[in-house]
């Protein structure tokens, strides 16, 4: 959970810097990619965890 929150904070920070600083728009796209990857990893973990408990 701590890794999830850390990656979300990094994505938000990169997005803010990318929007605020002229010429650093690529940081916004990197932040979006990090956020999407983080959500995908979290979804995979949660679906794996719920699949293990479904057999009970």
PDB file of N, CA and C in Angstrom:
ATOM      1  N   UNK A   1       0.827  -1.195   0.000  1.00  0.00           N
ATOM      2  CA  UNK A   1       0.000   0.000   0.000  1.00  0.00           C
ATOM      3  C   UNK A   1       0.867   1.254   0.000  1.00  0.00           C
ATOM      4  N   UNK A   2       1.991   1.199   0.691  1.00  0.00           N
ATOM      5  CA  UNK A   2       2.874   2.367   0.741  1.00  0.00           C
ATOM      6  C   UNK A   2       3.467   2.649  -0.637  1.00  0.00           C
ATOM      7  N   UNK A   3       3.797   1.596  -1.379  1.00  0.00           N
ATOM      8  CA  UNK A   3       4.327   1.780  -2.728  1.00  0.00           C
ATOM      9  C   UNK A   3       3.279   2.415  -3.633  1.00  0.00           C
ATOM     10  N   UNK A   4       2.037   1.999  -3.502  1.00  0.00           N
ATOM     11  CA  UNK A   4       0.939   2.571  -4.278  1.00  0.00           C
ATOM     12  C   UNK A   4       0.821   4.062  -4.019  1.00  0.00           C
ATOM     13  N   UNK A   5       0.833   4.451  -2.762  1.00  0.00           N
ATOM     14  CA  UNK A   5       0.703   5.867  -2.425  1.00  0.00           C
ATOM     15  C   UNK A   5       1.911   6.675  -2.878  1.00  0.00           C
ATOM     16  N   UNK A   6       3.094   6.105  -2.759  1.00  0.00           N
ATOM     17  CA  UNK A   6       4.295   6.789  -3.217  1.00  0.00           C
ATOM     18  C   UNK A   6       4.253   7.039  -4.716  1.00  0.00           C
ATOM     19  N   UNK A   7       3.848   6.037  -5.482  1.00  0.00           N
ATOM     20  CA  UNK A   7       3.771   6.212  -6.931  1.00  0.00           C
ATOM     21  C   UNK A   7       2.692   7.208  -7.331  1.00  0.00           C
ATOM     22  N   UNK A   8       1.601   7.246  -6.600  1.00  0.00           N
ATOM     23  CA  UNK A   8       0.565   8.245  -6.877  1.00  0.00           C
ATOM     24  C   UNK A   8       1.111   9.652  -6.614  1.00  0.00           C
ATOM     25  N   UNK A   9       1.834   9.824  -5.512  1.00  0.00           N
ATOM     26  CA  UNK A   9       2.419  11.134  -5.215  1.00  0.00           C
ATOM     27  C   UNK A   9       3.439  11.551  -6.269  1.00  0.00           C
ATOM     28  N   UNK A  10       4.249  10.611  -6.726  1.00  0.00           N
ATOM     29  CA  UNK A  10       5.229  10.914  -7.775  1.00  0.00           C
ATOM     30  C   UNK A  10       4.515  11.322  -9.056  1.00  0.00           C
ATOM     31  N   UNK A  11       3.459  10.610  -9.414  1.00  0.00           N
ATOM     32  CA  UNK A  11       2.716  10.932 -10.627  1.00  0.00           C
ATOM     33  C   UNK A  11       2.091  12.317 -10.539  1.00  0.00           C
ATOM     34  N   UNK A  12       1.527  12.656  -9.402  1.00  0.00           N
ATOM     35  CA  UNK A  12       0.918  13.974  -9.225  1.00  0.00           C
ATOM     36  C   UNK A  12       1.980  15.067  -9.282  1.00  0.00           C
ATOM     37  N   UNK A  13       3.103  14.857  -8.627  1.00  0.00           N
ATOM     38  CA  UNK A  13       4.175  15.852  -8.643  1.00  0.00           C
ATOM     39  C   UNK A  13       4.708  16.071 -10.052  1.00  0.00           C
ATOM     40  N   UNK A  14       4.938  14.992 -10.793  1.00  0.00           N
ATOM     41  CA  UNK A  14       5.398  15.129 -12.169  1.00  0.00           C
ATOM     42  C   UNK A  14       4.374  15.849 -13.030  1.00  0.00           C
ATOM     43  N   UNK A  15       3.110  15.561 -12.807  1.00  0.00           N
ATOM     44  CA  UNK A  15       2.049  16.231 -13.556  1.00  0.00           C
ATOM     45  C   UNK A  15       2.002  17.718 -13.270  1.00  0.00           C
ATOM     46  N   UNK A  16       2.125  18.089 -12.011  1.00  0.00           N
ATOM     47  CA  UNK A  16       2.095  19.513 -11.648  1.00  0.00           C
ATOM     48  C   UNK A  16       3.295  20.243 -12.227  1.00  0.00           C
ATOM     49  N   UNK A  17       4.466  19.638 -12.126  1.00  0.00           N
ATOM     50  CA  UNK A  17       5.663  20.272 -12.681  1.00  0.00           C
ATOM     51  C   UNK A  17       5.551  20.365 -14.198  1.00  0.00           C
ATOM     52  N   UNK A  18       5.019  19.325 -14.821  1.00  0.00           N
ATOM     53  CA  UNK A  18       4.866  19.327 -16.270  1.00  0.00           C
ATOM     54  C   UNK A  18       3.909  20.390 -16.765  1.00  0.00           C
ATOM     55  N   UNK A  19       2.871  20.675 -16.015  1.00  0.00           N
ATOM     56  CA  UNK A  19       1.905  21.702 -16.415  1.00  0.00           C
ATOM     57  C   UNK A  19       2.439  23.092 -16.103  1.00  0.00           C
ATOM     58  N   UNK A  20       3.088  23.256 -14.966  1.00  0.00           N
ATOM     59  CA  UNK A  20       3.515  24.590 -14.519  1.00  0.00           C
ATOM     60  C   UNK A  20       4.735  25.106 -15.275  1.00  0.00           C
ATOM     61  N   UNK A  21       5.681  24.236 -15.593  1.00  0.00           N
ATOM     62  CA  UNK A  21       6.918  24.674 -16.230  1.00  0.00           C
ATOM     63  C   UNK A  21       6.773  24.584 -17.751  1.00  0.00           C
ATOM     64  N   UNK A  22       7.101  25.645 -18.412  1.00  0.00           N
ATOM     65  CA  UNK A  22       7.012  25.665 -19.873  1.00  0.00           C
ATOM     66  C   UNK A  22       8.131  24.823 -20.461  1.00  0.00           C
ATOM     67  N   UNK A  23       7.813  24.001 -21.441  1.00  0.00           N
ATOM     68  CA  UNK A  23       8.804  23.154 -22.075  1.00  0.00           C
ATOM     69  C   UNK A  23       9.018  21.830 -21.381  1.00  0.00           C
ATOM     70  N   UNK A  24       8.317  21.589 -20.297  1.00  0.00           N
ATOM     71  CA  UNK A  24       8.454  20.315 -19.588  1.00  0.00           C
ATOM     72  C   UNK A  24       7.149  19.515 -19.630  1.00  0.00           C
ATOM     73  N   UNK A  25       6.444  19.639 -20.736  1.00  0.00           N
ATOM     74  CA  UNK A  25       5.185  18.919 -20.894  1.00  0.00           C
ATOM     75  C   UNK A  25       5.352  17.412 -20.881  1.00  0.00           C
ATOM     76  N   UNK A  26       6.552  16.957 -21.248  1.00  0.00           N
ATOM     77  CA  UNK A  26       6.791  15.514 -21.244  1.00  0.00           C
ATOM     78  C   UNK A  26       6.695  14.946 -19.830  1.00  0.00           C
ATOM     79  N   UNK A  27       6.952  15.767 -18.803  1.00  0.00           N
ATOM     80  CA  UNK A  27       6.806  15.280 -17.424  1.00  0.00           C
ATOM     81  C   UNK A  27       5.354  14.959 -17.107  1.00  0.00           C
ATOM     82  N   UNK A  28       4.441  15.714 -17.701  1.00  0.00           N
ATOM     83  CA  UNK A  28       3.017  15.424 -17.522  1.00  0.00           C
ATOM     84  C   UNK A  28       2.693  14.043 -18.075  1.00  0.00           C
ATOM     85  N   UNK A  29       3.212  13.736 -19.263  1.00  0.00           N
ATOM     86  CA  UNK A  29       2.947  12.430 -19.863  1.00  0.00           C
ATOM     87  C   UNK A  29       3.609  11.309 -19.068  1.00  0.00           C
ATOM     88  N   UNK A  30       4.796  11.549 -18.539  1.00  0.00           N
ATOM     89  CA  UNK A  30       5.457  10.549 -17.699  1.00  0.00           C
ATOM     90  C   UNK A  30       4.636  10.321 -16.431  1.00  0.00           C
ATOM     91  N   UNK A  31       4.110  11.392 -15.848  1.00  0.00           N
ATOM     92  CA  UNK A  31       3.258  11.265 -14.666  1.00  0.00           C
ATOM     93  C   UNK A  31       2.002  10.466 -14.948  1.00  0.00           C
ATOM     94  N   UNK A  32       1.410  10.680 -16.122  1.00  0.00           N
ATOM     95  CA  UNK A  32       0.210   9.927 -16.498  1.00  0.00           C
ATOM     96  C   UNK A  32       0.545   8.455 -16.668  1.00  0.00           C
ATOM     97  N   UNK A  33       1.681   8.153 -17.305  1.00  0.00           N
ATOM     98  CA  UNK A  33       2.094   6.756 -17.500  1.00  0.00           C
ATOM     99  C   UNK A  33       2.348   6.080 -16.152  1.00  0.00           C
ATOM    100  N   UNK A  34       3.001   6.785 -15.235  1.00  0.00           N
ATOM    101  CA  UNK A  34       3.268   6.223 -13.905  1.00  0.00           C
ATOM    102  C   UNK A  34       1.958   5.961 -13.175  1.00  0.00           C
ATOM    103  N   UNK A  35       1.010   6.863 -13.280  1.00  0.00           N
ATOM    104  CA  UNK A  35      -0.279   6.686 -12.614  1.00  0.00           C
ATOM    105  C   UNK A  35      -1.037   5.487 -13.187  1.00  0.00           C
ATOM    106  N   UNK A  36      -1.058   5.365 -14.506  1.00  0.00           N
ATOM    107  CA  UNK A  36      -1.759   4.238 -15.135  1.00  0.00           C
ATOM    108  C   UNK A  36      -1.095   2.917 -14.756  1.00  0.00           C
ATOM    109  N   UNK A  37       0.235   2.884 -14.764  1.00  0.00           N
ATOM    110  CA  UNK A  37       0.938   1.663 -14.372  1.00  0.00           C
ATOM    111  C   UNK A  37       0.663   1.313 -12.918  1.00  0.00           C
ATOM    112  N   UNK A  38       0.611   2.311 -12.064  1.00  0.00           N
ATOM    113  CA  UNK A  38       0.336   2.085 -10.645  1.00  0.00           C
ATOM    114  C   UNK A  38      -1.062   1.522 -10.433  1.00  0.00           C
ATOM    115  N   UNK A  39      -2.019   2.052 -11.147  1.00  0.00           N
ATOM    116  CA  UNK A  39      -3.394   1.556 -11.024  1.00  0.00           C
ATOM    117  C   UNK A  39      -3.491   0.125 -11.541  1.00  0.00           C
ATOM    118  N   UNK A  40      -2.775  -0.180 -12.622  1.00  0.00           N
ATOM    119  CA  UNK A  40      -2.797  -1.540 -13.163  1.00  0.00           C
ATOM    120  C   UNK A  40      -2.169  -2.536 -12.179  1.00  0.00           C
ATOM    121  N   UNK A  41      -1.071  -2.148 -11.559  1.00  0.00           N
ATOM    122  CA  UNK A  41      -0.422  -3.029 -10.579  1.00  0.00           C
ATOM    123  C   UNK A  41      -1.334  -3.247  -9.375  1.00  0.00           C
ATOM    124  N   UNK A  42      -1.961  -2.176  -8.906  1.00  0.00           N
ATOM    125  CA  UNK A  42      -2.860  -2.301  -7.754  1.00  0.00           C
ATOM    126  C   UNK A  42      -4.061  -3.175  -8.098  1.00  0.00           C
ATOM    127  N   UNK A  43      -4.610  -3.022  -9.292  1.00  0.00           N
ATOM    128  CA  UNK A  43      -5.755  -3.849  -9.696  1.00  0.00           C
ATOM    129  C   UNK A  43      -5.356  -5.317  -9.786  1.00  0.00           C
ATOM    130  N   UNK A  44      -4.167  -5.589 -10.281  1.00  0.00           N
ATOM    131  CA  UNK A  44      -3.706  -6.977 -10.376  1.00  0.00           C
ATOM    132  C   UNK A  44      -3.532  -7.589  -8.986  1.00  0.00           C
ATOM    133  N   UNK A  45      -2.989  -6.818  -8.069  1.00  0.00           N
ATOM    134  CA  UNK A  45      -2.822  -7.324  -6.693  1.00  0.00           C
ATOM    135  C   UNK A  45      -4.165  -7.601  -6.038  1.00  0.00           C
ATOM    136  N   UNK A  46      -5.102  -6.658  -6.194  1.00  0.00           N
ATOM    137  CA  UNK A  46      -6.398  -6.824  -5.547  1.00  0.00           C
ATOM    138  C   UNK A  46      -7.195  -7.959  -6.166  1.00  0.00           C
ATOM    139  N   UNK A  47      -7.102  -8.152  -7.473  1.00  0.00           N
ATOM    140  CA  UNK A  47      -7.847  -9.244  -8.089  1.00  0.00           C
ATOM    141  C   UNK A  47      -7.242 -10.585  -7.702  1.00  0.00           C
ATOM    142  N   UNK A  48      -5.926 -10.652  -7.566  1.00  0.00           N
ATOM    143  CA  UNK A  48      -5.276 -11.889  -7.145  1.00  0.00           C
ATOM    144  C   UNK A  48      -5.665 -12.218  -5.705  1.00  0.00           C
ATOM    145  N   UNK A  49      -5.727 -11.197  -4.862  1.00  0.00           N
ATOM    146  CA  UNK A  49      -6.087 -11.409  -3.461  1.00  0.00           C
ATOM    147  C   UNK A  49      -7.542 -11.866  -3.344  1.00  0.00           C
ATOM    148  N   UNK A  50      -8.459 -11.272  -4.121  1.00  0.00           N
ATOM    149  CA  UNK A  50      -9.855 -11.652  -4.025  1.00  0.00           C
ATOM    150  C   UNK A  50     -10.096 -13.043  -4.619  1.00  0.00           C
ATOM    151  N   UNK A  51      -9.279 -13.447  -5.593  1.00  0.00           N
ATOM    152  CA  UNK A  51      -9.425 -14.779  -6.177  1.00  0.00           C
ATOM    153  C   UNK A  51      -9.025 -15.860  -5.185  1.00  0.00           C
ATOM    154  N   UNK A  52      -8.030 -15.571  -4.349  1.00  0.00           N
ATOM    155  CA  UNK A  52      -7.616 -16.558  -3.333  1.00  0.00           C
ATOM    156  C   UNK A  52      -8.683 -16.762  -2.279  1.00  0.00           C
ATOM    157  N   UNK A  53      -9.388 -15.711  -1.924  1.00  0.00           N
ATOM    158  CA  UNK A  53     -10.399 -15.809  -0.870  1.00  0.00           C
ATOM    159  C   UNK A  53     -11.756 -16.286  -1.401  1.00  0.00           C
ATOM    160  N   UNK A  54     -11.923 -16.374  -2.704  1.00  0.00           N
ATOM    161  CA  UNK A  54     -13.211 -16.776  -3.267  1.00  0.00           C
ATOM    162  C   UNK A  54     -13.515 -18.241  -2.980  1.00  0.00           C
ATOM    163  N   UNK A  55     -12.504 -19.062  -2.805  1.00  0.00           N
ATOM    164  CA  UNK A  55     -12.726 -20.498  -2.579  1.00  0.00           C
ATOM    165  C   UNK A  55     -13.134 -20.849  -1.173  1.00  0.00           C
ATOM    166  N   UNK A  56     -13.167 -19.927  -0.289  1.00  0.00           N
ATOM    167  CA  UNK A  56     -13.510 -20.221   1.116  1.00  0.00           C
ATOM    168  C   UNK A  56     -14.973 -20.491   1.317  1.00  0.00           C
TER     169      UNK A  56
END
